[in-house]
Amino acid sequence: MNFTLPLVLVIAMSTTAMSQSSTKLRYLALGDSYTIGESVTENERWPMQLIAKLNATGGNYVVPKIIATTGWRTDDLSNAIWKETLDPGYDLVSLLIGVNNQYQGKSVDAYKPEFEGLLKTAVRLAGGNKTKVFVVSIPDYGYTPFGKPKQATISAELDKFNEANKAITERMGIRYINITDISRKGFEDPQLVAGDGLHPSGKQYSLWVERILKELE
């Protein structure tokens, strides 16, 4: 049987398809110096690299909203979020926080409820959809020129913080992505460390993104 759809219906269907394909997706990245990309260019930040990769494979994300500053602890990030005007319903939300809790001598026990509160906030900002949220483990700065003298102590302490954030994340049924092992290759490959001798380089962030993409598939 051969028939022709009414012109009005064809136009409506075409408009709908165009609208769906042009829908802008929003990504919110929450964190500290690692998320804001201390000592690397804007395009080398891992949230920027992640969105570039997602868009290259059919995504339609706008420039990420990044709430992160070098030196922030969990409480600093929480305070900053509440000062922002954010519309829930982000299509992707990431959380990476805790290195400054460790560096500034804060306890893991104090970190746990603050991290959990931030993760609940991330879920709320994702419109309550846990599948749109993911946590990235804390990298190990013990494997940098800055941290090398105290590497063993730094690594042991960060392991405890990561054990805590992983347990909370998994208990809440949220995706957890471990990149700490990548950061621990800093001695064998100095190019994984930025020029400041402390933070990850763009090359290291690209390795993070490769792993994150696999987990998001």
N, C-alpha and C. Protein backbone atom coordinates (compact mmCIF):
# COMPACT_ATOMS: atom_id res chain seq x y z
N MET A 1 0.86 -1.19 0.00
CA MET A 1 0.00 0.00 0.00
C MET A 1 0.89 1.24 0.00
N ASN A 2 0.57 2.20 -0.81
CA ASN A 2 1.36 3.41 -0.93
C ASN A 2 0.52 4.60 -0.49
N PHE A 3 1.04 5.39 0.44
CA PHE A 3 0.31 6.58 0.85
C PHE A 3 1.30 7.66 1.20
N THR A 4 0.81 8.89 1.26
CA THR A 4 1.66 10.05 1.55
C THR A 4 1.20 10.70 2.85
N LEU A 5 2.16 10.97 3.75
CA LEU A 5 1.82 11.64 5.00
C LEU A 5 1.44 13.08 4.73
N PRO A 6 0.47 13.60 5.46
CA PRO A 6 0.11 15.01 5.31
C PRO A 6 1.33 15.89 5.54
N LEU A 7 1.43 16.98 4.79
CA LEU A 7 2.58 17.86 4.88
C LEU A 7 2.77 18.39 6.30
N VAL A 8 1.70 18.72 6.99
CA VAL A 8 1.79 19.26 8.35
C VAL A 8 2.45 18.25 9.28
N LEU A 9 2.08 16.98 9.12
CA LEU A 9 2.64 15.93 9.97
C LEU A 9 4.13 15.74 9.67
N VAL A 10 4.50 15.80 8.40
CA VAL A 10 5.91 15.65 8.02
C VAL A 10 6.74 16.77 8.65
N ILE A 11 6.21 17.99 8.57
CA ILE A 11 6.93 19.13 9.14
C ILE A 11 7.07 18.97 10.65
N ALA A 12 6.01 18.53 11.30
CA ALA A 12 6.03 18.35 12.75
C ALA A 12 7.06 17.30 13.16
N MET A 13 7.10 16.19 12.40
CA MET A 13 8.05 15.13 12.71
C MET A 13 9.49 15.62 12.51
N SER A 14 9.72 16.39 11.46
CA SER A 14 11.05 16.91 11.17
C SER A 14 11.49 17.88 12.25
N THR A 15 10.56 18.72 12.70
CA THR A 15 10.86 19.70 13.73
C THR A 15 11.22 19.00 15.04
N THR A 16 10.47 17.94 15.36
CA THR A 16 10.74 17.19 16.57
C THR A 16 12.12 16.55 16.53
N ALA A 17 12.46 15.95 15.39
CA ALA A 17 13.77 15.31 15.25
C ALA A 17 14.89 16.32 15.39
N MET A 18 14.70 17.51 14.76
CA MET A 18 15.72 18.55 14.86
C MET A 18 15.87 19.03 16.28
N SER A 19 14.74 19.15 16.98
CA SER A 19 14.77 19.61 18.37
C SER A 19 15.52 18.63 19.26
N GLN A 20 15.28 17.32 19.04
CA GLN A 20 15.94 16.31 19.84
C GLN A 20 17.44 16.30 19.58
N SER A 21 17.84 16.45 18.31
CA SER A 21 19.25 16.40 17.97
C SER A 21 20.00 17.63 18.45
N SER A 22 19.27 18.75 18.66
CA SER A 22 19.93 19.99 19.07
C SER A 22 19.82 20.23 20.58
N THR A 23 19.29 19.27 21.31
CA THR A 23 19.16 19.43 22.75
C THR A 23 20.54 19.58 23.38
N LYS A 24 20.72 20.64 24.12
CA LYS A 24 22.00 20.91 24.76
C LYS A 24 22.08 20.17 26.09
N LEU A 25 23.18 19.46 26.28
CA LEU A 25 23.40 18.72 27.51
C LEU A 25 24.31 19.51 28.45
N ARG A 26 24.09 19.35 29.75
CA ARG A 26 24.85 20.13 30.73
C ARG A 26 25.64 19.21 31.65
N TYR A 27 26.88 19.59 31.90
CA TYR A 27 27.77 18.83 32.77
C TYR A 27 28.28 19.73 33.88
N LEU A 28 28.18 19.25 35.11
CA LEU A 28 28.64 19.99 36.29
C LEU A 28 29.79 19.22 36.94
N ALA A 29 30.94 19.85 37.06
CA ALA A 29 32.12 19.21 37.66
C ALA A 29 32.43 19.89 39.00
N LEU A 30 32.41 19.10 40.06
CA LEU A 30 32.63 19.61 41.41
C LEU A 30 33.96 19.11 41.94
N GLY A 31 34.78 20.00 42.52
CA GLY A 31 36.05 19.51 43.02
C GLY A 31 36.99 20.56 43.58
N ASP A 32 38.28 20.36 43.30
CA ASP A 32 39.34 21.22 43.83
C ASP A 32 40.36 21.50 42.72
N SER A 33 41.65 21.54 43.06
CA SER A 33 42.67 21.87 42.06
C SER A 33 42.70 20.88 40.91
N TYR A 34 42.38 19.61 41.18
CA TYR A 34 42.42 18.61 40.12
C TYR A 34 41.31 18.83 39.09
N THR A 35 40.17 19.32 39.53
CA THR A 35 39.05 19.55 38.62
C THR A 35 39.20 20.86 37.86
N ILE A 36 39.75 21.89 38.53
CA ILE A 36 39.95 23.16 37.85
C ILE A 36 41.20 23.13 36.99
N GLY A 37 42.05 22.11 37.19
CA GLY A 37 43.22 21.95 36.34
C GLY A 37 44.35 22.90 36.65
N GLU A 38 44.76 22.94 37.91
CA GLU A 38 45.89 23.76 38.31
C GLU A 38 47.13 23.41 37.48
N SER A 39 47.77 24.42 36.91
CA SER A 39 49.03 24.29 36.16
C SER A 39 48.89 23.66 34.78
N VAL A 40 47.66 23.53 34.27
CA VAL A 40 47.47 23.11 32.89
C VAL A 40 46.56 24.11 32.20
N THR A 41 46.52 24.07 30.88
CA THR A 41 45.66 24.99 30.13
C THR A 41 44.20 24.59 30.31
N GLU A 42 43.32 25.49 29.98
CA GLU A 42 41.88 25.22 30.14
C GLU A 42 41.45 23.98 29.36
N ASN A 43 41.94 23.84 28.16
CA ASN A 43 41.55 22.69 27.33
C ASN A 43 42.13 21.37 27.84
N GLU A 44 43.16 21.44 28.68
CA GLU A 44 43.76 20.23 29.23
C GLU A 44 43.07 19.75 30.51
N ARG A 45 42.23 20.56 31.08
CA ARG A 45 41.48 20.13 32.27
C ARG A 45 40.71 18.86 31.92
N TRP A 46 40.64 17.93 32.85
CA TRP A 46 39.98 16.67 32.48
C TRP A 46 38.49 16.84 32.20
N PRO A 47 37.75 17.72 32.88
CA PRO A 47 36.34 17.89 32.49
C PRO A 47 36.20 18.41 31.06
N MET A 48 37.11 19.29 30.65
CA MET A 48 37.07 19.81 29.28
C MET A 48 37.42 18.71 28.27
N GLN A 49 38.43 17.91 28.60
CA GLN A 49 38.79 16.80 27.71
C GLN A 49 37.66 15.78 27.61
N LEU A 50 36.99 15.54 28.74
CA LEU A 50 35.89 14.58 28.76
C LEU A 50 34.76 15.02 27.84
N ILE A 51 34.36 16.27 27.94
CA ILE A 51 33.26 16.77 27.12
C ILE A 51 33.65 16.79 25.65
N ALA A 52 34.91 17.11 25.36
CA ALA A 52 35.37 17.10 23.97
C ALA A 52 35.25 15.70 23.37
N LYS A 53 35.61 14.69 24.16
CA LYS A 53 35.51 13.31 23.70
C LYS A 53 34.06 12.89 23.53
N LEU A 54 33.21 13.25 24.48
CA LEU A 54 31.80 12.89 24.40
C LEU A 54 31.14 13.55 23.19
N ASN A 55 31.48 14.80 22.94
CA ASN A 55 30.90 15.50 21.79
C ASN A 55 31.41 14.94 20.47
N ALA A 56 32.63 14.44 20.49
CA ALA A 56 33.20 13.87 19.26
C ALA A 56 32.52 12.56 18.87
N THR A 57 31.83 11.95 19.82
CA THR A 57 31.15 10.69 19.56
C THR A 57 29.63 10.83 19.59
N GLY A 58 29.16 12.06 19.31
CA GLY A 58 27.72 12.27 19.16
C GLY A 58 27.05 13.01 20.29
N GLY A 59 27.80 13.39 21.31
CA GLY A 59 27.20 14.15 22.41
C GLY A 59 26.95 15.59 21.99
N ASN A 60 26.24 16.32 22.81
CA ASN A 60 25.94 17.71 22.50
C ASN A 60 26.02 18.55 23.77
N TYR A 61 27.15 18.42 24.45
CA TYR A 61 27.35 19.12 25.71
C TYR A 61 27.83 20.55 25.49
N VAL A 62 27.34 21.45 26.31
CA VAL A 62 27.85 22.81 26.31
C VAL A 62 29.10 22.83 27.19
N VAL A 63 29.77 23.96 27.27
CA VAL A 63 30.97 24.08 28.09
C VAL A 63 30.62 23.71 29.54
N PRO A 64 31.41 22.86 30.17
CA PRO A 64 31.09 22.40 31.53
C PRO A 64 31.01 23.55 32.54
N LYS A 65 30.14 23.40 33.49
CA LYS A 65 30.11 24.29 34.64
C LYS A 65 31.04 23.66 35.68
N ILE A 66 32.10 24.38 36.04
CA ILE A 66 33.07 23.85 36.98
C ILE A 66 33.03 24.67 38.27
N ILE A 67 32.79 24.00 39.38
CA ILE A 67 32.86 24.64 40.69
C ILE A 67 34.01 23.97 41.42
N ALA A 68 35.16 24.61 41.39
CA ALA A 68 36.37 24.02 41.95
C ALA A 68 37.43 25.10 42.09
N THR A 69 38.21 25.01 43.15
CA THR A 69 39.29 25.96 43.39
C THR A 69 40.42 25.23 44.10
N THR A 70 41.64 25.57 43.74
CA THR A 70 42.81 24.98 44.38
C THR A 70 42.77 25.22 45.89
N GLY A 71 43.00 24.17 46.65
CA GLY A 71 43.03 24.29 48.11
C GLY A 71 41.74 23.95 48.81
N TRP A 72 40.66 23.75 48.06
CA TRP A 72 39.37 23.48 48.70
C TRP A 72 39.32 22.12 49.36
N ARG A 73 38.73 22.11 50.56
CA ARG A 73 38.36 20.88 51.26
C ARG A 73 36.88 20.61 50.96
N THR A 74 36.36 19.55 51.54
CA THR A 74 34.94 19.23 51.35
C THR A 74 34.03 20.35 51.84
N ASP A 75 34.37 20.96 52.99
CA ASP A 75 33.51 22.03 53.51
C ASP A 75 33.56 23.28 52.64
N ASP A 76 34.73 23.55 52.07
CA ASP A 76 34.85 24.71 51.17
C ASP A 76 33.97 24.51 49.93
N LEU A 77 34.02 23.32 49.37
CA LEU A 77 33.22 23.03 48.18
C LEU A 77 31.74 23.13 48.50
N SER A 78 31.34 22.59 49.62
CA SER A 78 29.93 22.65 50.02
C SER A 78 29.45 24.09 50.15
N ASN A 79 30.26 24.92 50.78
CA ASN A 79 29.90 26.34 50.95
C ASN A 79 29.79 27.03 49.59
N ALA A 80 30.70 26.70 48.69
CA ALA A 80 30.69 27.34 47.37
C ALA A 80 29.46 26.95 46.57
N ILE A 81 29.05 25.69 46.67
CA ILE A 81 27.87 25.23 45.92
C ILE A 81 26.62 25.98 46.36
N TRP A 82 26.48 26.16 47.66
CA TRP A 82 25.28 26.84 48.16
C TRP A 82 25.25 28.32 47.81
N LYS A 83 26.39 28.88 47.46
CA LYS A 83 26.43 30.29 47.04
C LYS A 83 26.09 30.45 45.56
N GLU A 84 26.11 29.33 44.84
CA GLU A 84 25.80 29.36 43.42
C GLU A 84 24.29 29.24 43.18
N THR A 85 23.85 29.73 42.05
CA THR A 85 22.47 29.53 41.63
C THR A 85 22.49 28.45 40.56
N LEU A 86 22.14 27.24 40.97
CA LEU A 86 22.22 26.09 40.07
C LEU A 86 20.84 25.50 39.83
N ASP A 87 20.53 25.23 38.59
CA ASP A 87 19.26 24.60 38.24
C ASP A 87 19.46 23.08 38.20
N PRO A 88 18.77 22.34 39.06
CA PRO A 88 18.88 20.87 39.03
C PRO A 88 18.49 20.33 37.66
N GLY A 89 18.97 19.15 37.35
CA GLY A 89 18.66 18.56 36.06
C GLY A 89 19.87 18.48 35.16
N TYR A 90 21.06 18.54 35.76
CA TYR A 90 22.27 18.38 34.95
C TYR A 90 22.30 16.96 34.37
N ASP A 91 22.83 16.85 33.17
CA ASP A 91 22.88 15.56 32.49
C ASP A 91 24.05 14.71 32.95
N LEU A 92 25.02 15.35 33.60
CA LEU A 92 26.18 14.64 34.12
C LEU A 92 26.77 15.48 35.25
N VAL A 93 27.09 14.82 36.35
CA VAL A 93 27.69 15.51 37.50
C VAL A 93 28.84 14.65 38.04
N SER A 94 30.00 15.26 38.22
CA SER A 94 31.14 14.53 38.77
C SER A 94 31.57 15.15 40.10
N LEU A 95 32.17 14.33 40.94
CA LEU A 95 32.66 14.79 42.24
C LEU A 95 34.04 14.19 42.49
N LEU A 96 35.01 15.06 42.75
CA LEU A 96 36.37 14.65 43.11
C LEU A 96 36.86 15.62 44.17
N ILE A 97 36.96 15.15 45.42
CA ILE A 97 37.30 16.05 46.52
C ILE A 97 37.90 15.25 47.68
N GLY A 98 38.86 15.86 48.36
CA GLY A 98 39.39 15.22 49.56
C GLY A 98 40.88 15.37 49.77
N VAL A 99 41.63 15.68 48.72
CA VAL A 99 43.08 15.75 48.88
C VAL A 99 43.49 16.82 49.88
N ASN A 100 42.76 17.93 49.91
CA ASN A 100 43.13 19.00 50.84
C ASN A 100 42.68 18.70 52.27
N ASN A 101 41.68 17.85 52.43
CA ASN A 101 41.36 17.36 53.77
C ASN A 101 42.57 16.62 54.33
N GLN A 102 43.15 15.77 53.49
CA GLN A 102 44.33 15.01 53.91
C GLN A 102 45.53 15.93 54.11
N TYR A 103 45.79 16.79 53.13
CA TYR A 103 46.98 17.65 53.18
C TYR A 103 46.96 18.60 54.38
N GLN A 104 45.76 19.06 54.73
CA GLN A 104 45.64 20.01 55.84
C GLN A 104 45.42 19.31 57.18
N GLY A 105 45.60 18.00 57.20
CA GLY A 105 45.57 17.26 58.46
C GLY A 105 44.19 17.00 59.03
N LYS A 106 43.16 17.09 58.21
CA LYS A 106 41.81 16.79 58.68
C LYS A 106 41.62 15.27 58.75
N SER A 107 40.74 14.83 59.62
CA SER A 107 40.56 13.39 59.81
C SER A 107 39.63 12.77 58.78
N VAL A 108 39.80 11.48 58.57
CA VAL A 108 38.91 10.75 57.68
C VAL A 108 37.50 10.74 58.25
N ASP A 109 37.39 10.64 59.58
CA ASP A 109 36.07 10.61 60.21
C ASP A 109 35.30 11.90 59.97
N ALA A 110 36.01 13.02 59.95
CA ALA A 110 35.35 14.30 59.66
C ALA A 110 35.00 14.41 58.18
N TYR A 111 35.80 13.78 57.35
CA TYR A 111 35.62 13.82 55.89
C TYR A 111 34.36 13.06 55.46
N LYS A 112 34.10 11.93 56.09
CA LYS A 112 33.03 11.04 55.65
C LYS A 112 31.67 11.73 55.53
N PRO A 113 31.15 12.36 56.60
CA PRO A 113 29.81 12.96 56.47
C PRO A 113 29.78 14.14 55.49
N GLU A 114 30.89 14.87 55.40
CA GLU A 114 30.94 16.00 54.47
C GLU A 114 30.95 15.50 53.02
N PHE A 115 31.69 14.43 52.77
CA PHE A 115 31.70 13.87 51.42
C PHE A 115 30.33 13.31 51.07
N GLU A 116 29.70 12.62 52.00
CA GLU A 116 28.37 12.06 51.73
C GLU A 116 27.36 13.16 51.45
N GLY A 117 27.47 14.27 52.18
CA GLY A 117 26.57 15.39 51.95
C GLY A 117 26.77 15.97 50.55
N LEU A 118 28.01 16.06 50.11
CA LEU A 118 28.30 16.56 48.76
C LEU A 118 27.76 15.61 47.70
N LEU A 119 27.87 14.33 47.96
CA LEU A 119 27.39 13.36 46.98
C LEU A 119 25.87 13.41 46.87
N LYS A 120 25.20 13.62 47.99
CA LYS A 120 23.75 13.77 47.95
C LYS A 120 23.36 15.04 47.18
N THR A 121 24.15 16.08 47.35
CA THR A 121 23.91 17.31 46.61
C THR A 121 24.10 17.08 45.12
N ALA A 122 25.13 16.31 44.76
CA ALA A 122 25.38 16.00 43.35
C ALA A 122 24.19 15.27 42.74
N VAL A 123 23.63 14.33 43.49
CA VAL A 123 22.47 13.59 42.99
C VAL A 123 21.28 14.53 42.81
N ARG A 124 21.08 15.42 43.76
CA ARG A 124 19.98 16.39 43.65
C ARG A 124 20.15 17.26 42.40
N LEU A 125 21.40 17.68 42.15
CA LEU A 125 21.65 18.53 41.00
C LEU A 125 21.53 17.77 39.68
N ALA A 126 21.59 16.45 39.76
CA ALA A 126 21.38 15.61 38.58
C ALA A 126 19.90 15.23 38.45
N GLY A 127 19.05 15.97 39.13
CA GLY A 127 17.62 15.72 39.06
C GLY A 127 17.21 14.45 39.77
N GLY A 128 18.03 14.01 40.73
CA GLY A 128 17.71 12.80 41.48
C GLY A 128 18.10 11.52 40.77
N ASN A 129 18.74 11.63 39.62
CA ASN A 129 19.11 10.45 38.83
C ASN A 129 20.56 10.05 39.13
N LYS A 130 20.74 8.99 39.92
CA LYS A 130 22.07 8.56 40.33
C LYS A 130 22.93 8.09 39.16
N THR A 131 22.30 7.64 38.08
CA THR A 131 23.06 7.14 36.94
C THR A 131 23.80 8.27 36.22
N LYS A 132 23.43 9.51 36.53
CA LYS A 132 24.09 10.65 35.90
C LYS A 132 25.23 11.22 36.73
N VAL A 133 25.51 10.56 37.85
CA VAL A 133 26.54 11.03 38.77
C VAL A 133 27.70 10.04 38.83
N PHE A 134 28.92 10.54 38.92
CA PHE A 134 30.05 9.65 39.15
C PHE A 134 31.09 10.33 40.02
N VAL A 135 31.79 9.51 40.78
CA VAL A 135 32.85 9.98 41.68
C VAL A 135 34.20 9.53 41.14
N VAL A 136 35.17 10.42 41.21
CA VAL A 136 36.54 10.09 40.81
C VAL A 136 37.39 10.01 42.07
N SER A 137 38.21 8.99 42.17
CA SER A 137 39.05 8.82 43.35
C SER A 137 40.09 9.93 43.44
N ILE A 138 40.66 10.11 44.63
CA ILE A 138 41.68 11.14 44.85
C ILE A 138 43.01 10.64 44.30
N PRO A 139 43.66 11.41 43.44
CA PRO A 139 44.98 10.99 42.94
C PRO A 139 46.03 11.11 44.05
N ASP A 140 47.16 10.46 43.84
CA ASP A 140 48.22 10.40 44.86
C ASP A 140 49.36 11.34 44.49
N TYR A 141 49.43 12.49 45.19
CA TYR A 141 50.50 13.45 44.92
C TYR A 141 51.82 13.03 45.55
N GLY A 142 51.82 11.87 46.22
CA GLY A 142 53.07 11.34 46.75
C GLY A 142 54.02 10.96 45.63
N TYR A 143 53.47 10.71 44.46
CA TYR A 143 54.28 10.31 43.31
C TYR A 143 54.59 11.51 42.41
N THR A 144 54.89 12.62 43.05
CA THR A 144 55.32 13.83 42.35
C THR A 144 56.61 14.31 43.02
N PRO A 145 57.37 15.17 42.36
CA PRO A 145 58.57 15.71 43.01
C PRO A 145 58.26 16.37 44.35
N PHE A 146 57.12 17.06 44.44
CA PHE A 146 56.73 17.72 45.69
C PHE A 146 56.49 16.71 46.80
N GLY A 147 55.80 15.63 46.49
CA GLY A 147 55.42 14.67 47.52
C GLY A 147 56.41 13.55 47.76
N LYS A 148 57.39 13.42 46.91
CA LYS A 148 58.31 12.28 46.99
C LYS A 148 58.95 12.07 48.36
N PRO A 149 59.42 13.13 49.05
CA PRO A 149 60.05 12.92 50.36
C PRO A 149 59.14 12.23 51.39
N LYS A 150 57.83 12.40 51.24
CA LYS A 150 56.88 11.80 52.20
C LYS A 150 55.92 10.86 51.48
N GLN A 151 56.37 10.26 50.39
CA GLN A 151 55.48 9.45 49.55
C GLN A 151 54.75 8.36 50.32
N ALA A 152 55.47 7.60 51.13
CA ALA A 152 54.85 6.48 51.84
C ALA A 152 53.72 6.94 52.75
N THR A 153 53.96 8.02 53.48
CA THR A 153 52.94 8.54 54.40
C THR A 153 51.75 9.10 53.64
N ILE A 154 52.03 9.88 52.59
CA ILE A 154 50.96 10.46 51.78
C ILE A 154 50.09 9.37 51.17
N SER A 155 50.73 8.37 50.60
CA SER A 155 49.98 7.29 49.94
C SER A 155 49.11 6.53 50.93
N ALA A 156 49.65 6.25 52.10
CA ALA A 156 48.90 5.51 53.11
C ALA A 156 47.68 6.31 53.58
N GLU A 157 47.86 7.61 53.76
CA GLU A 157 46.75 8.44 54.22
C GLU A 157 45.69 8.60 53.14
N LEU A 158 46.12 8.79 51.90
CA LEU A 158 45.15 8.93 50.81
C LEU A 158 44.39 7.63 50.56
N ASP A 159 45.04 6.50 50.81
CA ASP A 159 44.33 5.21 50.69
C ASP A 159 43.13 5.18 51.63
N LYS A 160 43.30 5.73 52.84
CA LYS A 160 42.21 5.73 53.82
C LYS A 160 41.07 6.64 53.36
N PHE A 161 41.43 7.79 52.79
CA PHE A 161 40.39 8.70 52.29
C PHE A 161 39.65 8.07 51.12
N ASN A 162 40.39 7.41 50.25
CA ASN A 162 39.74 6.76 49.10
C ASN A 162 38.91 5.55 49.52
N GLU A 163 39.35 4.84 50.53
CA GLU A 163 38.53 3.74 51.04
C GLU A 163 37.20 4.28 51.55
N ALA A 164 37.26 5.43 52.20
CA ALA A 164 36.04 6.05 52.75
C ALA A 164 35.11 6.53 51.64
N ASN A 165 35.65 7.28 50.67
CA ASN A 165 34.74 7.81 49.64
C ASN A 165 34.21 6.71 48.72
N LYS A 166 35.00 5.66 48.53
CA LYS A 166 34.52 4.55 47.71
C LYS A 166 33.38 3.81 48.41
N ALA A 167 33.54 3.56 49.71
CA ALA A 167 32.50 2.86 50.46
C ALA A 167 31.19 3.63 50.45
N ILE A 168 31.28 4.94 50.65
CA ILE A 168 30.08 5.79 50.65
C ILE A 168 29.43 5.80 49.27
N THR A 169 30.26 5.95 48.25
CA THR A 169 29.75 6.01 46.87
C THR A 169 29.03 4.72 46.49
N GLU A 170 29.66 3.60 46.78
CA GLU A 170 29.06 2.32 46.41
C GLU A 170 27.82 2.02 47.25
N ARG A 171 27.82 2.42 48.51
CA ARG A 171 26.63 2.22 49.35
C ARG A 171 25.44 3.00 48.81
N MET A 172 25.72 4.15 48.22
CA MET A 172 24.65 4.98 47.65
C MET A 172 24.26 4.55 46.24
N GLY A 173 24.96 3.54 45.71
CA GLY A 173 24.62 3.03 44.38
C GLY A 173 25.04 3.94 43.25
N ILE A 174 26.19 4.59 43.43
CA ILE A 174 26.69 5.54 42.43
C ILE A 174 28.00 5.04 41.86
N ARG A 175 28.26 5.37 40.61
CA ARG A 175 29.45 4.90 39.90
C ARG A 175 30.72 5.52 40.52
N TYR A 176 31.72 4.67 40.78
CA TYR A 176 33.00 5.11 41.35
C TYR A 176 34.11 4.76 40.37
N ILE A 177 34.93 5.75 40.03
CA ILE A 177 35.99 5.54 39.05
C ILE A 177 37.35 5.78 39.70
N ASN A 178 38.15 4.74 39.76
CA ASN A 178 39.47 4.81 40.39
C ASN A 178 40.53 5.22 39.38
N ILE A 179 41.18 6.36 39.63
CA ILE A 179 42.29 6.82 38.78
C ILE A 179 43.58 6.94 39.58
N THR A 180 43.54 6.54 40.85
CA THR A 180 44.70 6.71 41.72
C THR A 180 45.91 5.94 41.20
N ASP A 181 45.67 4.76 40.66
CA ASP A 181 46.80 3.98 40.14
C ASP A 181 47.51 4.69 39.00
N ILE A 182 46.76 5.45 38.21
CA ILE A 182 47.37 6.21 37.12
C ILE A 182 48.31 7.27 37.69
N SER A 183 47.86 7.96 38.73
CA SER A 183 48.69 9.01 39.33
C SER A 183 49.96 8.44 39.95
N ARG A 184 49.94 7.17 40.29
CA ARG A 184 51.10 6.55 40.92
C ARG A 184 52.15 6.08 39.90
N LYS A 185 52.00 6.52 38.68
CA LYS A 185 53.01 6.26 37.65
C LYS A 185 53.88 7.49 37.42
N GLY A 186 53.74 8.47 38.31
CA GLY A 186 54.45 9.73 38.15
C GLY A 186 55.95 9.63 38.21
N PHE A 187 56.48 8.64 38.94
CA PHE A 187 57.94 8.48 39.00
C PHE A 187 58.47 7.85 37.72
N GLU A 188 57.75 6.87 37.19
CA GLU A 188 58.22 6.17 35.99
C GLU A 188 58.00 6.99 34.72
N ASP A 189 57.02 7.90 34.76
CA ASP A 189 56.77 8.76 33.60
C ASP A 189 56.59 10.20 34.09
N PRO A 190 57.67 10.97 34.19
CA PRO A 190 57.60 12.34 34.68
C PRO A 190 56.66 13.24 33.88
N GLN A 191 56.35 12.87 32.65
CA GLN A 191 55.45 13.69 31.83
C GLN A 191 54.01 13.65 32.33
N LEU A 192 53.75 12.78 33.28
CA LEU A 192 52.41 12.72 33.88
C LEU A 192 52.21 13.81 34.93
N VAL A 193 53.29 14.52 35.26
CA VAL A 193 53.24 15.58 36.27
C VAL A 193 53.40 16.93 35.60
N ALA A 194 52.59 17.90 36.04
CA ALA A 194 52.64 19.25 35.46
C ALA A 194 53.95 19.94 35.82
N GLY A 195 54.18 21.07 35.22
CA GLY A 195 55.42 21.80 35.42
C GLY A 195 55.64 22.29 36.84
N ASP A 196 54.58 22.36 37.65
CA ASP A 196 54.74 22.80 39.03
C ASP A 196 55.28 21.71 39.95
N GLY A 197 55.43 20.50 39.40
CA GLY A 197 55.97 19.40 40.19
C GLY A 197 55.01 18.83 41.21
N LEU A 198 53.75 19.16 41.09
CA LEU A 198 52.76 18.69 42.08
C LEU A 198 51.48 18.16 41.45
N HIS A 199 50.94 18.87 40.48
CA HIS A 199 49.65 18.49 39.92
C HIS A 199 49.79 17.64 38.66
N PRO A 200 48.72 16.94 38.28
CA PRO A 200 48.76 16.13 37.05
C PRO A 200 48.92 17.02 35.81
N SER A 201 49.54 16.46 34.81
CA SER A 201 49.69 17.15 33.52
C SER A 201 48.47 16.87 32.65
N GLY A 202 48.41 17.55 31.52
CA GLY A 202 47.34 17.28 30.57
C GLY A 202 47.39 15.85 30.08
N LYS A 203 48.60 15.31 29.97
CA LYS A 203 48.77 13.92 29.54
C LYS A 203 48.13 12.97 30.56
N GLN A 204 48.38 13.22 31.83
CA GLN A 204 47.77 12.35 32.84
C GLN A 204 46.25 12.47 32.83
N TYR A 205 45.75 13.69 32.70
CA TYR A 205 44.31 13.88 32.65
C TYR A 205 43.68 13.14 31.46
N SER A 206 44.40 13.07 30.36
CA SER A 206 43.87 12.34 29.20
C SER A 206 43.72 10.85 29.52
N LEU A 207 44.61 10.33 30.34
CA LEU A 207 44.50 8.93 30.76
C LEU A 207 43.31 8.73 31.69
N TRP A 208 43.07 9.72 32.54
CA TRP A 208 41.86 9.67 33.38
C TRP A 208 40.63 9.60 32.49
N VAL A 209 40.58 10.47 31.50
CA VAL A 209 39.40 10.57 30.64
C VAL A 209 39.16 9.26 29.89
N GLU A 210 40.21 8.61 29.44
CA GLU A 210 40.04 7.32 28.77
C GLU A 210 39.33 6.33 29.69
N ARG A 211 39.74 6.30 30.95
CA ARG A 211 39.11 5.38 31.90
C ARG A 211 37.69 5.79 32.23
N ILE A 212 37.48 7.07 32.41
CA ILE A 212 36.14 7.56 32.72
C ILE A 212 35.17 7.23 31.60
N LEU A 213 35.60 7.43 30.37
CA LEU A 213 34.75 7.13 29.23
C LEU A 213 34.34 5.66 29.20
N LYS A 214 35.27 4.78 29.51
CA LYS A 214 34.97 3.35 29.54
C LYS A 214 33.91 3.04 30.60
N GLU A 215 34.02 3.72 31.72
CA GLU A 215 33.07 3.50 32.82
C GLU A 215 31.69 4.08 32.51
N LEU A 216 31.68 5.13 31.70
CA LEU A 216 30.41 5.78 31.38
C LEU A 216 29.66 5.09 30.24
N GLU A 217 30.33 4.18 29.54
CA GLU A 217 29.68 3.49 28.42
C GLU A 217 28.49 2.67 28.87
